[in-house]
Amino acid sequence: MVSFKNLDKKFGKNVVLNGLNLTIHSGGIIAVLGPNGSGKTTLIKSLLGMVLPNKGSIEINNQNIKNQWEYRNNIDYLPQIANFPGNLNVNELFTMLKDLRGKTTKDQELIELFKLQPFLKEKLSTLSGGTKQKVNLVLTFMFDSPLVILDEPTSGLDPISMIRLKELIQQEKSKGKTIFITTHIMNFVEEVADEIIFLLEGKIYFQGTVSALKTKTKQQDFEYAIATILSENHA
């Protein structure tokens, strides 16, 4: 279980998180949505310890994460933009990360899933954006942690890889994992998310299922439901 309590974060005079309270129970796929500047990235980076809130607390399994670091060993994180060392090849990168984390991995299974075998000896600097994203996904899922955070996971993926990613996420959910996703691809959210957290101006405007959001906004189409929220709050 992940719990955010009265979380405040400012960057200068800009209020990014504003007394945010949120509890996520273990197991399931949670999509964190909202327009640019709504606080999505700050919320995720606060959970990872990359941003320190001005006020409030974050707990994982009833343990406050402040001044802790060990809890991160149980989180797998896919950043929106992965900066790989371009002089390494793909296989060298995988080996380096396995040496650093020292946990049992399932990299071969994931390499086969995303058809990366032909690229294992290619320098990272020569890869296309879509292939780099597949490498990023293998790095994220290879350590089998109970909490997974995916920031724009579909970026650059072709349609077949998108299907494989959806299947992989459902497979990981079936193991009891908690998976946070931020994305601008609404049909992806509609297909995979068990719960939606919609942020506006650093506060939670909506928390619930896709169908509950459609009911709330009186819209049958998910994208129209999201658009209705935004228009109501920016009238």
C-alpha atoms as a PDB file:
ATOM      1  CA  MET A   1       0.000   0.000   0.000  1.00  0.00           C
ATOM      2  CA  VAL A   2       1.199   3.519  -0.862  1.00  0.00           C
ATOM      3  CA  SER A   3      -0.081   6.519   1.070  1.00  0.00           C
ATOM      4  CA  PHE A   4       0.473  10.222   0.386  1.00  0.00           C
ATOM      5  CA  LYS A   5      -0.576  12.469   3.293  1.00  0.00           C
ATOM      6  CA  ASN A   6      -1.064  16.259   3.018  1.00  0.00           C
ATOM      7  CA  LEU A   7       1.671  16.541   0.420  1.00  0.00           C
ATOM      8  CA  ASP A   8       2.793  20.073  -0.491  1.00  0.00           C
ATOM      9  CA  LYS A   9       5.485  20.982  -2.992  1.00  0.00           C
ATOM     10  CA  LYS A  10       6.471  24.379  -4.346  1.00  0.00           C
ATOM     11  CA  PHE A  11       9.102  25.305  -6.881  1.00  0.00           C
ATOM     12  CA  GLY A  12       9.703  28.954  -6.085  1.00  0.00           C
ATOM     13  CA  LYS A  13       6.226  30.524  -6.026  1.00  0.00           C
ATOM     14  CA  ASN A  14       4.763  27.770  -8.196  1.00  0.00           C
ATOM     15  CA  VAL A  15       2.548  25.403  -6.144  1.00  0.00           C
ATOM     16  CA  VAL A  16       2.810  21.957  -7.764  1.00  0.00           C
ATOM     17  CA  LEU A  17       1.284  19.735  -5.061  1.00  0.00           C
ATOM     18  CA  ASN A  18      -1.325  21.300  -2.805  1.00  0.00           C
ATOM     19  CA  GLY A  19      -2.270  19.299   0.301  1.00  0.00           C
ATOM     20  CA  LEU A  20      -2.572  16.098  -1.721  1.00  0.00           C
ATOM     21  CA  ASN A  21      -3.991  13.010   0.019  1.00  0.00           C
ATOM     22  CA  LEU A  22      -4.012   9.671  -1.769  1.00  0.00           C
ATOM     23  CA  THR A  23      -4.057   5.999  -0.759  1.00  0.00           C
ATOM     24  CA  ILE A  24      -3.327   3.220  -3.235  1.00  0.00           C
ATOM     25  CA  HIS A  25      -3.940  -0.375  -2.158  1.00  0.00           C
ATOM     26  CA  SER A  26      -1.573  -3.100  -3.289  1.00  0.00           C
ATOM     27  CA  GLY A  27      -2.257  -4.832  -6.578  1.00  0.00           C
ATOM     28  CA  GLY A  28      -3.705  -3.262  -9.715  1.00  0.00           C
ATOM     29  CA  ILE A  29      -2.971  -0.760 -12.461  1.00  0.00           C
ATOM     30  CA  ILE A  30      -3.337   2.922 -11.572  1.00  0.00           C
ATOM     31  CA  ALA A  31      -3.194   5.629 -14.250  1.00  0.00           C
ATOM     32  CA  VAL A  32      -2.134   9.074 -13.015  1.00  0.00           C
ATOM     33  CA  LEU A  33      -3.585  11.609 -15.446  1.00  0.00           C
ATOM     34  CA  GLY A  34      -3.778  15.365 -15.746  1.00  0.00           C
ATOM     35  CA  PRO A  35      -2.681  18.251 -17.976  1.00  0.00           C
ATOM     36  CA  ASN A  36       0.920  19.469 -18.105  1.00  0.00           C
ATOM     37  CA  GLY A  37       1.819  21.144 -14.820  1.00  0.00           C
ATOM     38  CA  SER A  38      -0.828  19.266 -12.813  1.00  0.00           C
ATOM     39  CA  GLY A  39       1.753  17.586 -10.553  1.00  0.00           C
ATOM     40  CA  LYS A  40       1.990  14.061 -12.055  1.00  0.00           C
ATOM     41  CA  THR A  41       5.766  13.963 -12.441  1.00  0.00           C
ATOM     42  CA  THR A  42       6.348  15.658  -9.086  1.00  0.00           C
ATOM     43  CA  LEU A  43       4.109  13.079  -7.383  1.00  0.00           C
ATOM     44  CA  ILE A  44       6.064  10.203  -8.933  1.00  0.00           C
ATOM     45  CA  LYS A  45       9.462  11.755  -8.214  1.00  0.00           C
ATOM     46  CA  SER A  46       8.401  12.371  -4.605  1.00  0.00           C
ATOM     47  CA  LEU A  47       7.590   8.661  -4.290  1.00  0.00           C
ATOM     48  CA  LEU A  48      11.022   7.813  -5.720  1.00  0.00           C
ATOM     49  CA  GLY A  49      12.793  10.225  -3.370  1.00  0.00           C
ATOM     50  CA  MET A  50      13.962  12.376  -6.298  1.00  0.00           C
ATOM     51  CA  VAL A  51      11.888  15.344  -5.074  1.00  0.00           C
ATOM     52  CA  LEU A  52      11.522  16.283  -1.402  1.00  0.00           C
ATOM     53  CA  PRO A  53       8.056  17.618  -0.453  1.00  0.00           C
ATOM     54  CA  ASN A  54       7.855  20.857   1.550  1.00  0.00           C
ATOM     55  CA  LYS A  55       5.183  19.326   3.793  1.00  0.00           C
ATOM     56  CA  GLY A  56       3.435  16.009   4.312  1.00  0.00           C
ATOM     57  CA  SER A  57       4.586  12.407   4.243  1.00  0.00           C
ATOM     58  CA  ILE A  58       4.729   9.329   2.013  1.00  0.00           C
ATOM     59  CA  GLU A  59       4.398   5.803   3.373  1.00  0.00           C
ATOM     60  CA  ILE A  60       4.910   2.442   1.693  1.00  0.00           C
ATOM     61  CA  ASN A  61       3.444  -0.483   3.642  1.00  0.00           C
ATOM     62  CA  ASN A  62       2.985   1.851   6.643  1.00  0.00           C
ATOM     63  CA  GLN A  63       6.673   2.843   6.662  1.00  0.00           C
ATOM     64  CA  ASN A  64       7.594   6.515   6.188  1.00  0.00           C
ATOM     65  CA  ILE A  65      10.113   6.774   3.325  1.00  0.00           C
ATOM     66  CA  LYS A  66      11.690  10.031   4.550  1.00  0.00           C
ATOM     67  CA  ASN A  67      15.485   9.730   4.863  1.00  0.00           C
ATOM     68  CA  GLN A  68      15.251   6.124   3.685  1.00  0.00           C
ATOM     69  CA  TRP A  69      16.667   4.572   0.532  1.00  0.00           C
ATOM     70  CA  GLU A  70      16.341   0.786   0.885  1.00  0.00           C
ATOM     71  CA  TYR A  71      12.672   0.862  -0.163  1.00  0.00           C
ATOM     72  CA  ARG A  72      13.740   1.822  -3.694  1.00  0.00           C
ATOM     73  CA  ASN A  73      15.122  -1.703  -4.143  1.00  0.00           C
ATOM     74  CA  ASN A  74      11.483  -2.795  -4.376  1.00  0.00           C
ATOM     75  CA  ILE A  75      10.532  -0.278  -7.086  1.00  0.00           C
ATOM     76  CA  ASP A  76      11.078  -0.582 -10.840  1.00  0.00           C
ATOM     77  CA  TYR A  77      10.982   2.777 -12.659  1.00  0.00           C
ATOM     78  CA  LEU A  78      10.692   3.608 -16.341  1.00  0.00           C
ATOM     79  CA  PRO A  79      11.604   7.289 -16.863  1.00  0.00           C
ATOM     80  CA  GLN A  80       9.958   9.277 -19.624  1.00  0.00           C
ATOM     81  CA  ILE A  81      13.340   9.897 -21.253  1.00  0.00           C
ATOM     82  CA  ALA A  82      16.109   7.363 -20.674  1.00  0.00           C
ATOM     83  CA  ASN A  83      19.657   8.699 -21.024  1.00  0.00           C
ATOM     84  CA  PHE A  84      21.808   5.669 -21.765  1.00  0.00           C
ATOM     85  CA  PRO A  85      25.633   5.779 -22.028  1.00  0.00           C
ATOM     86  CA  GLY A  86      25.974   5.786 -25.824  1.00  0.00           C
ATOM     87  CA  ASN A  87      29.356   4.026 -25.879  1.00  0.00           C
ATOM     88  CA  LEU A  88      27.890   0.799 -24.421  1.00  0.00           C
ATOM     89  CA  ASN A  89      26.053  -1.799 -26.453  1.00  0.00           C
ATOM     90  CA  VAL A  90      22.654  -3.122 -25.353  1.00  0.00           C
ATOM     91  CA  ASN A  91      24.029  -6.318 -23.828  1.00  0.00           C
ATOM     92  CA  GLU A  92      26.686  -4.403 -21.857  1.00  0.00           C
ATOM     93  CA  LEU A  93      23.989  -2.135 -20.420  1.00  0.00           C
ATOM     94  CA  PHE A  94      21.900  -5.106 -19.277  1.00  0.00           C
ATOM     95  CA  THR A  95      24.993  -6.743 -17.703  1.00  0.00           C
ATOM     96  CA  MET A  96      25.961  -3.518 -15.914  1.00  0.00           C
ATOM     97  CA  LEU A  97      22.493  -3.109 -14.390  1.00  0.00           C
ATOM     98  CA  LYS A  98      22.379  -6.748 -13.275  1.00  0.00           C
ATOM     99  CA  ASP A  99      25.775  -6.307 -11.604  1.00  0.00           C
ATOM    100  CA  LEU A 100      24.570  -3.131  -9.856  1.00  0.00           C
ATOM    101  CA  ARG A 101      21.264  -4.486  -8.567  1.00  0.00           C
ATOM    102  CA  GLY A 102      22.299  -8.081  -8.038  1.00  0.00           C
ATOM    103  CA  LYS A 103      18.788  -9.496  -8.135  1.00  0.00           C
ATOM    104  CA  THR A 104      17.320 -12.422 -10.037  1.00  0.00           C
ATOM    105  CA  THR A 105      16.230 -11.208 -13.453  1.00  0.00           C
ATOM    106  CA  LYS A 106      14.143 -12.381 -16.382  1.00  0.00           C
ATOM    107  CA  ASP A 107      15.933 -10.380 -19.041  1.00  0.00           C
ATOM    108  CA  GLN A 108      16.069 -13.153 -21.665  1.00  0.00           C
ATOM    109  CA  GLU A 109      12.300 -13.577 -21.579  1.00  0.00           C
ATOM    110  CA  LEU A 110      11.813  -9.808 -22.045  1.00  0.00           C
ATOM    111  CA  ILE A 111      14.459  -9.568 -24.789  1.00  0.00           C
ATOM    112  CA  GLU A 112      12.515 -12.206 -26.713  1.00  0.00           C
ATOM    113  CA  LEU A 113       9.174 -10.499 -26.022  1.00  0.00           C
ATOM    114  CA  PHE A 114      10.345  -7.192 -27.527  1.00  0.00           C
ATOM    115  CA  LYS A 115      12.443  -8.878 -30.259  1.00  0.00           C
ATOM    116  CA  LEU A 116      15.698  -7.218 -29.194  1.00  0.00           C
ATOM    117  CA  GLN A 117      18.041 -10.116 -30.083  1.00  0.00           C
ATOM    118  CA  PRO A 118      19.338  -8.421 -33.300  1.00  0.00           C
ATOM    119  CA  PHE A 119      20.269  -5.276 -31.341  1.00  0.00           C
ATOM    120  CA  LEU A 120      22.199  -6.770 -28.387  1.00  0.00           C
ATOM    121  CA  LYS A 121      25.611  -5.852 -29.842  1.00  0.00           C
ATOM    122  CA  GLU A 122      24.501  -2.463 -31.187  1.00  0.00           C
ATOM    123  CA  LYS A 123      25.791   0.703 -29.523  1.00  0.00           C
ATOM    124  CA  LEU A 124      23.047   2.495 -27.615  1.00  0.00           C
ATOM    125  CA  SER A 125      23.852   5.746 -29.421  1.00  0.00           C
ATOM    126  CA  THR A 126      22.876   4.175 -32.770  1.00  0.00           C
ATOM    127  CA  LEU A 127      19.430   2.892 -31.749  1.00  0.00           C
ATOM    128  CA  SER A 128      16.138   4.404 -32.909  1.00  0.00           C
ATOM    129  CA  GLY A 129      13.800   5.986 -30.356  1.00  0.00           C
ATOM    130  CA  GLY A 130      11.437   3.013 -30.450  1.00  0.00           C
ATOM    131  CA  THR A 131      14.238   0.483 -29.904  1.00  0.00           C
ATOM    132  CA  LYS A 132      15.619   2.551 -27.000  1.00  0.00           C
ATOM    133  CA  GLN A 133      12.159   2.450 -25.442  1.00  0.00           C
ATOM    134  CA  LYS A 134      12.099  -1.349 -25.725  1.00  0.00           C
ATOM    135  CA  VAL A 135      15.503  -1.461 -24.001  1.00  0.00           C
ATOM    136  CA  ASN A 136      14.061   0.866 -21.348  1.00  0.00           C
ATOM    137  CA  LEU A 137      11.109  -1.506 -20.827  1.00  0.00           C
ATOM    138  CA  VAL A 138      13.372  -4.558 -20.452  1.00  0.00           C
ATOM    139  CA  LEU A 139      15.449  -2.679 -17.841  1.00  0.00           C
ATOM    140  CA  THR A 140      12.265  -1.756 -15.974  1.00  0.00           C
ATOM    141  CA  PHE A 141      10.640  -5.179 -15.779  1.00  0.00           C
ATOM    142  CA  MET A 142      13.707  -7.432 -15.530  1.00  0.00           C
ATOM    143  CA  PHE A 143      14.071  -7.181 -11.726  1.00  0.00           C
ATOM    144  CA  ASP A 144      10.543  -8.267 -10.781  1.00  0.00           C
ATOM    145  CA  SER A 145       9.796  -5.683  -8.045  1.00  0.00           C
ATOM    146  CA  PRO A 146       6.350  -5.378  -6.382  1.00  0.00           C
ATOM    147  CA  LEU A 147       5.905  -1.686  -7.304  1.00  0.00           C
ATOM    148  CA  VAL A 148       6.359  -0.532 -10.922  1.00  0.00           C
ATOM    149  CA  ILE A 149       6.265   3.092 -12.100  1.00  0.00           C
ATOM    150  CA  LEU A 150       5.908   3.739 -15.843  1.00  0.00           C
ATOM    151  CA  ASP A 151       6.245   7.331 -17.080  1.00  0.00           C
ATOM    152  CA  GLU A 152       4.921   7.515 -20.676  1.00  0.00           C
ATOM    153  CA  PRO A 153       5.698   3.822 -21.413  1.00  0.00           C
ATOM    154  CA  THR A 154       4.218   3.820 -24.938  1.00  0.00           C
ATOM    155  CA  SER A 155       6.532   6.541 -26.289  1.00  0.00           C
ATOM    156  CA  GLY A 156       7.918   5.556 -29.684  1.00  0.00           C
ATOM    157  CA  LEU A 157       6.449   2.049 -29.700  1.00  0.00           C
ATOM    158  CA  ASP A 158       5.035   0.442 -32.840  1.00  0.00           C
ATOM    159  CA  PRO A 159       1.531  -1.125 -32.671  1.00  0.00           C
ATOM    160  CA  ILE A 160       2.822  -4.702 -32.133  1.00  0.00           C
ATOM    161  CA  SER A 161       5.092  -3.600 -29.281  1.00  0.00           C
ATOM    162  CA  MET A 162       2.160  -1.691 -27.759  1.00  0.00           C
ATOM    163  CA  ILE A 163       0.128  -4.924 -27.684  1.00  0.00           C
ATOM    164  CA  ARG A 164       3.059  -6.786 -26.109  1.00  0.00           C
ATOM    165  CA  LEU A 165       3.404  -4.059 -23.489  1.00  0.00           C
ATOM    166  CA  LYS A 166      -0.303  -4.254 -22.595  1.00  0.00           C
ATOM    167  CA  GLU A 167      -0.041  -8.036 -22.221  1.00  0.00           C
ATOM    168  CA  LEU A 168       3.096  -7.684 -20.092  1.00  0.00           C
ATOM    169  CA  ILE A 169       1.432  -5.148 -17.777  1.00  0.00           C
ATOM    170  CA  GLN A 170      -1.580  -7.442 -17.296  1.00  0.00           C
ATOM    171  CA  GLN A 171       0.745 -10.380 -16.645  1.00  0.00           C
ATOM    172  CA  GLU A 172       2.640  -8.391 -13.987  1.00  0.00           C
ATOM    173  CA  LYS A 173      -0.643  -7.292 -12.397  1.00  0.00           C
ATOM    174  CA  SER A 174      -1.684 -10.949 -12.109  1.00  0.00           C
ATOM    175  CA  LYS A 175       1.349 -11.468  -9.828  1.00  0.00           C
ATOM    176  CA  GLY A 176      -0.134  -8.958  -7.370  1.00  0.00           C
ATOM    177  CA  LYS A 177       2.055  -6.030  -8.393  1.00  0.00           C
ATOM    178  CA  THR A 178       1.049  -2.377  -8.114  1.00  0.00           C
ATOM    179  CA  ILE A 179       1.677  -0.508 -11.379  1.00  0.00           C
ATOM    180  CA  PHE A 180       1.578   3.290 -11.698  1.00  0.00           C
ATOM    181  CA  ILE A 181       1.291   4.654 -15.238  1.00  0.00           C
ATOM    182  CA  THR A 182       1.370   8.221 -16.544  1.00  0.00           C
ATOM    183  CA  THR A 183       0.487   8.656 -20.211  1.00  0.00           C
ATOM    184  CA  HIS A 184      -1.282  10.947 -22.664  1.00  0.00           C
ATOM    185  CA  ILE A 185      -2.608   7.956 -24.676  1.00  0.00           C
ATOM    186  CA  MET A 186      -6.190   7.718 -23.469  1.00  0.00           C
ATOM    187  CA  ASN A 187      -7.162   4.493 -25.248  1.00  0.00           C
ATOM    188  CA  PHE A 188      -4.174   2.813 -23.576  1.00  0.00           C
ATOM    189  CA  VAL A 189      -5.471   3.979 -20.177  1.00  0.00           C
ATOM    190  CA  GLU A 190      -8.998   2.816 -20.961  1.00  0.00           C
ATOM    191  CA  GLU A 191      -7.741  -0.667 -21.883  1.00  0.00           C
ATOM    192  CA  VAL A 192      -5.392  -1.318 -18.952  1.00  0.00           C
ATOM    193  CA  ALA A 193      -6.242   0.874 -15.938  1.00  0.00           C
ATOM    194  CA  ASP A 194      -8.174  -0.452 -12.941  1.00  0.00           C
ATOM    195  CA  GLU A 195      -8.213   2.994 -11.359  1.00  0.00           C
ATOM    196  CA  ILE A 196      -7.682   6.570 -12.498  1.00  0.00           C
ATOM    197  CA  ILE A 197      -6.185   9.387 -10.451  1.00  0.00           C
ATOM    198  CA  PHE A 198      -6.877  12.714 -12.168  1.00  0.00           C
ATOM    199  CA  LEU A 199      -4.766  15.636 -10.939  1.00  0.00           C
ATOM    200  CA  LEU A 200      -5.540  19.302 -11.440  1.00  0.00           C
ATOM    201  CA  GLU A 201      -3.400  22.085  -9.967  1.00  0.00           C
ATOM    202  CA  GLY A 202      -1.749  19.731  -7.496  1.00  0.00           C
ATOM    203  CA  LYS A 203      -4.972  18.265  -6.099  1.00  0.00           C
ATOM    204  CA  ILE A 204      -6.929  15.106  -6.834  1.00  0.00           C
ATOM    205  CA  TYR A 205     -10.009  15.997  -8.832  1.00  0.00           C
ATOM    206  CA  PHE A 206     -11.120  12.414  -9.428  1.00  0.00           C
ATOM    207  CA  GLN A 207     -10.224   8.926  -8.192  1.00  0.00           C
ATOM    208  CA  GLY A 208     -12.090   5.883  -9.483  1.00  0.00           C
ATOM    209  CA  THR A 209     -12.720   3.634 -12.474  1.00  0.00           C
ATOM    210  CA  VAL A 210     -13.051   4.628 -16.123  1.00  0.00           C
ATOM    211  CA  SER A 211     -16.789   3.831 -16.022  1.00  0.00           C
ATOM    212  CA  ALA A 212     -17.244   5.956 -12.886  1.00  0.00           C
ATOM    213  CA  LEU A 213     -15.565   8.895 -14.627  1.00  0.00           C
ATOM    214  CA  LYS A 214     -17.876   8.494 -17.636  1.00  0.00           C
ATOM    215  CA  THR A 215     -20.873   8.481 -15.296  1.00  0.00           C
ATOM    216  CA  LYS A 216     -19.625  11.549 -13.417  1.00  0.00           C
ATOM    217  CA  THR A 217     -19.120  13.546 -16.622  1.00  0.00           C
ATOM    218  CA  LYS A 218     -22.175  12.096 -18.434  1.00  0.00           C
ATOM    219  CA  GLN A 219     -19.944  11.086 -21.339  1.00  0.00           C
ATOM    220  CA  GLN A 220     -19.854   7.692 -23.050  1.00  0.00           C
ATOM    221  CA  ASP A 221     -16.436   8.302 -24.616  1.00  0.00           C
ATOM    222  CA  PHE A 222     -13.399   8.323 -22.277  1.00  0.00           C
ATOM    223  CA  GLU A 223     -11.538  11.097 -24.112  1.00  0.00           C
ATOM    224  CA  TYR A 224     -14.669  13.260 -24.014  1.00  0.00           C
ATOM    225  CA  ALA A 225     -14.969  12.549 -20.284  1.00  0.00           C
ATOM    226  CA  ILE A 226     -11.415  13.830 -19.754  1.00  0.00           C
ATOM    227  CA  ALA A 227     -12.110  16.854 -21.970  1.00  0.00           C
ATOM    228  CA  THR A 228     -15.253  17.597 -19.913  1.00  0.00           C
ATOM    229  CA  ILE A 229     -13.203  17.729 -16.693  1.00  0.00           C
ATOM    230  CA  LEU A 230     -10.721  20.118 -18.268  1.00  0.00           C
ATOM    231  CA  SER A 231     -13.378  22.395 -19.773  1.00  0.00           C
ATOM    232  CA  GLU A 232     -15.292  22.577 -16.464  1.00  0.00           C
ATOM    233  CA  ASN A 233     -12.142  23.665 -14.663  1.00  0.00           C
ATOM    234  CA  HIS A 234     -10.811  26.063 -17.246  1.00  0.00           C
ATOM    235  CA  ALA A 235     -14.036  27.784 -18.194  1.00  0.00           C
END
